Protein backbone atom coordinates (compact mmCIF):
# COMPACT_ATOMS: atom_id res chain seq x y z
CA MET A 1 -0.80 1.90 21.04
CA PRO A 2 -3.63 -0.64 20.41
CA THR A 3 -4.08 -2.92 22.60
CA THR A 4 -2.66 -6.54 21.73
CA ILE A 5 -3.54 -9.93 22.28
CA ARG A 6 -1.59 -13.12 22.46
CA VAL A 7 -2.36 -16.17 20.53
CA THR A 8 -0.39 -19.52 20.77
CA VAL A 9 0.08 -21.20 16.94
CA ALA A 10 1.68 -24.42 16.55
CA LEU A 11 3.92 -24.78 14.01
CA ASP A 12 5.70 -27.39 12.21
CA LYS A 13 9.60 -27.31 11.51
CA GLU A 14 9.18 -25.70 8.30
CA SER A 15 7.00 -22.77 8.65
CA GLU A 16 8.97 -22.16 11.67
CA GLU A 17 12.04 -21.84 9.63
CA ILE A 18 9.83 -19.72 6.96
CA LEU A 19 8.79 -17.68 9.62
CA ARG A 20 12.34 -17.00 10.77
CA ARG A 21 13.89 -16.48 7.61
CA LEU A 22 10.63 -14.12 6.44
CA SER A 23 11.24 -11.97 9.61
CA GLN A 24 14.83 -11.64 9.24
CA GLU A 25 14.66 -11.09 5.11
CA SER A 26 12.27 -8.63 6.22
CA GLY A 27 13.39 -6.91 9.58
CA MET A 28 10.12 -7.36 10.86
CA THR A 29 9.20 -9.41 14.16
CA GLN A 30 7.56 -12.10 13.82
CA SER A 31 4.72 -11.03 15.50
CA ALA A 32 4.27 -8.11 12.95
CA LEU A 33 5.05 -10.15 10.00
CA VAL A 34 2.31 -12.59 10.97
CA ARG A 35 -0.05 -9.54 11.75
CA PHE A 36 0.69 -8.54 8.18
CA ALA A 37 0.47 -11.72 6.51
CA LEU A 38 -3.41 -11.61 8.04
CA LYS A 39 -4.23 -8.02 6.83
CA PHE A 40 -2.83 -9.14 3.40
CA PHE A 41 -4.98 -12.32 3.07
CA SER A 42 -7.77 -10.18 4.69
CA SER A 43 -7.29 -7.68 2.25
CA TYR A 44 -7.61 -9.73 -0.91
CA GLY A 45 -10.74 -11.44 -0.39
CA ASN A 46 -10.58 -14.50 -2.62
CA LEU A 47 -6.54 -14.88 -2.43
CA LEU A 48 -6.98 -18.28 -0.81
CA LYS A 49 -9.73 -19.47 -3.31
CA ASP A 50 -7.74 -18.37 -5.83
CA SER A 51 -4.45 -19.74 -4.86
CA ALA A 52 -3.55 -21.92 -7.46
CA ARG A 53 -4.55 -18.52 -10.03
CA ILE A 54 -2.12 -16.41 -8.10
CA SER A 55 0.75 -19.22 -8.31
CA THR A 56 0.58 -19.14 -11.64
CA TRP A 57 0.55 -15.39 -11.92
CA LEU A 58 3.39 -15.42 -9.85
CA ASP A 59 5.06 -18.09 -12.02
CA LEU A 60 4.45 -16.34 -14.86
CA LEU A 61 5.49 -12.86 -13.75
CA GLN A 62 8.57 -13.11 -11.60
CA GLY A 63 10.61 -14.93 -14.72
CA GLY A 64 10.14 -11.38 -16.72
CA GLU A 65 9.02 -13.34 -19.46
CA HIS A 66 5.17 -12.34 -19.15
CA VAL A 67 3.81 -8.54 -18.60
CA ILE A 68 0.51 -7.38 -17.38
CA LEU A 69 -1.47 -5.31 -20.40
CA ASP A 70 -4.53 -3.76 -20.02
CA VAL A 71 -7.22 -4.84 -22.13
CA ASP A 72 -7.68 -1.62 -24.01
CA HIS A 73 -4.26 -2.06 -24.91
CA TRP A 74 -4.70 -6.06 -25.62
CA MET A 75 -7.56 -5.00 -28.37
CA LEU A 76 -5.85 -2.14 -30.37
CA PHE A 77 -2.88 -4.33 -30.79
CA LEU A 78 -5.34 -6.83 -32.31
CA LYS A 79 -7.13 -4.54 -33.83
CA TYR A 80 -4.09 -3.07 -35.86
CA VAL A 81 -2.77 -6.68 -36.38
CA GLU A 82 -5.89 -7.46 -38.52
CA ARG A 83 -5.59 -4.17 -40.63
CA SER A 84 -2.42 -4.68 -41.14
CA GLY A 85 -0.33 -6.09 -44.39
CA GLU A 86 1.70 -8.02 -41.74
CA ARG A 87 -1.35 -10.02 -40.43
CA GLU A 88 -0.23 -13.65 -41.85
CA LYS A 89 3.45 -12.69 -40.61
CA PHE A 90 2.13 -12.07 -37.29
CA TYR A 91 0.55 -15.20 -37.29
CA GLU A 92 3.31 -16.94 -38.88
CA GLU A 93 5.64 -15.90 -35.55
CA CYS A 94 2.55 -16.56 -33.11
CA ARG A 95 3.27 -20.01 -34.26
CA LYS A 96 7.03 -20.20 -33.71
CA VAL A 97 6.20 -19.01 -30.21
CA ALA A 98 3.40 -21.82 -29.76
CA LYS A 99 6.16 -24.04 -30.62
CA ALA A 100 8.07 -23.14 -28.12
CA HIS A 101 5.86 -23.54 -25.84
CA ALA A 102 4.98 -26.57 -26.69
CA GLU A 103 8.05 -27.75 -25.78
CA GLN A 104 8.55 -25.82 -22.53
CA LEU A 105 5.28 -26.94 -21.31
CA SER A 106 5.13 -30.45 -22.64
CA SER A 107 4.57 -32.16 -19.03
CA LEU A 108 1.21 -30.45 -18.43
CA SER A 109 -2.09 -31.90 -19.25
CA PRO A 110 -4.26 -29.90 -21.42
CA GLU A 111 -6.40 -29.16 -18.72
CA GLU A 112 -3.50 -27.65 -16.88
CA TYR A 113 -2.47 -25.70 -19.91
CA LEU A 114 -5.53 -24.11 -20.37
CA ARG A 115 -5.67 -23.63 -16.72
CA ARG A 116 -2.38 -21.56 -17.15
CA ILE A 117 -3.59 -19.69 -20.32
CA GLU A 118 -7.10 -18.93 -18.36
CA ALA A 119 -4.85 -16.93 -16.19
CA CYS A 120 -3.69 -14.94 -18.90
CA ASN A 121 -7.33 -13.37 -18.92
CA PHE A 122 -7.79 -14.53 -22.51
CA PHE A 123 -10.92 -16.06 -21.90
CA ARG A 124 -13.08 -18.04 -18.83
CA LEU A 125 -12.65 -21.75 -18.87
CA SER A 126 -15.52 -23.98 -18.42
CA LYS A 127 -14.60 -27.86 -17.93
CA MET A 128 -17.30 -29.50 -19.41
CA SER A 129 -15.73 -33.02 -19.61
CA GLU A 130 -12.41 -34.78 -18.99
CA ARG A 131 -12.05 -33.65 -22.69
CA GLU A 132 -14.33 -31.02 -23.55
CA PHE A 133 -13.91 -27.48 -22.95
CA THR A 134 -15.84 -23.98 -23.37
CA LEU A 135 -13.96 -20.57 -23.71
CA VAL A 136 -15.60 -17.71 -23.01
CA LEU A 137 -13.81 -15.03 -24.66
CA ASN A 138 -13.13 -11.80 -22.67
CA VAL A 139 -12.37 -10.18 -26.00
CA ASP A 140 -13.98 -11.11 -28.67
CA SER A 141 -11.93 -9.55 -31.54
CA SER A 142 -9.21 -12.34 -29.57
CA LYS A 143 -11.16 -15.30 -31.08
CA ARG A 144 -8.38 -15.67 -34.08
CA PHE A 145 -5.56 -15.35 -31.78
CA VAL A 146 -6.61 -17.52 -28.76
CA LYS A 147 -7.43 -20.56 -31.42
CA GLU A 148 -4.49 -20.41 -33.07
CA LEU A 149 -2.29 -20.42 -30.01
CA LEU A 150 -4.41 -23.09 -28.24
CA LEU A 151 -4.41 -25.01 -31.45
CA ASP A 152 -0.31 -24.74 -32.17
CA THR A 153 0.48 -25.48 -28.91
CA LEU A 154 -1.61 -28.05 -27.91
CA GLU A 155 -0.75 -30.08 -30.97
CA GLY A 156 2.89 -29.51 -30.75
CA MET A 157 2.56 -30.84 -27.00
CA GLY A 158 0.97 -33.94 -28.85
CA HIS A 159 -2.10 -33.67 -28.56
CA ARG A 160 -5.35 -34.04 -31.17
CA VAL A 161 -7.24 -30.68 -30.91
CA GLU A 162 -10.73 -29.81 -32.09
CA ILE A 163 -11.85 -25.80 -32.22
CA LYS A 164 -15.62 -25.33 -32.96
CA GLU A 165 -16.34 -21.64 -32.82
CA ASP A 166 -19.60 -19.97 -31.18
CA LEU A 167 -20.47 -16.15 -31.42
CA ALA A 168 -18.28 -15.08 -28.01
CA LYS A 169 -16.26 -18.09 -27.36
CA LEU A 170 -14.61 -21.36 -28.33
CA ARG A 171 -15.73 -25.20 -27.80
CA LEU A 172 -12.46 -27.03 -27.70
CA ARG A 173 -12.17 -30.93 -27.65
CA VAL A 174 -8.98 -32.77 -26.68
CA GLY A 175 -8.81 -36.55 -28.27
């Protein structure tokens, strides 16, 4: 049996209640739960640094409205959509989804919305100024999809948007 040491930790009332509840729900002792949490955070080095992104992932996934998709599958979907005779119908349907997203996410600022979509790994976001962003695409074939999604959603949220295309990135300006 490994040697254990005792550590005293001060918890506020909320943290103590969370520890007690999680211990009961998991069937683990409080000590075992704290050890598990420490090992978990240690295993995923950027977990604390990327907590906002992870929170977004949890928000997207736990509701069951989003999926995790391999980039190769994503590229295949886009490849066959672009080749099919249904391409414009696909983008028309995407506009309807974007409109619904605009209504659902209207309380977000443009940057908050872009960070949420960035968490889907469509692009890597760089903030150039308060109203200007550069989106480096993870897959070049997603350019039209991402551009139309952002235009339709942000404009549906009431923002004036201008997007310029570069080779593997989009430059977005919110008016």
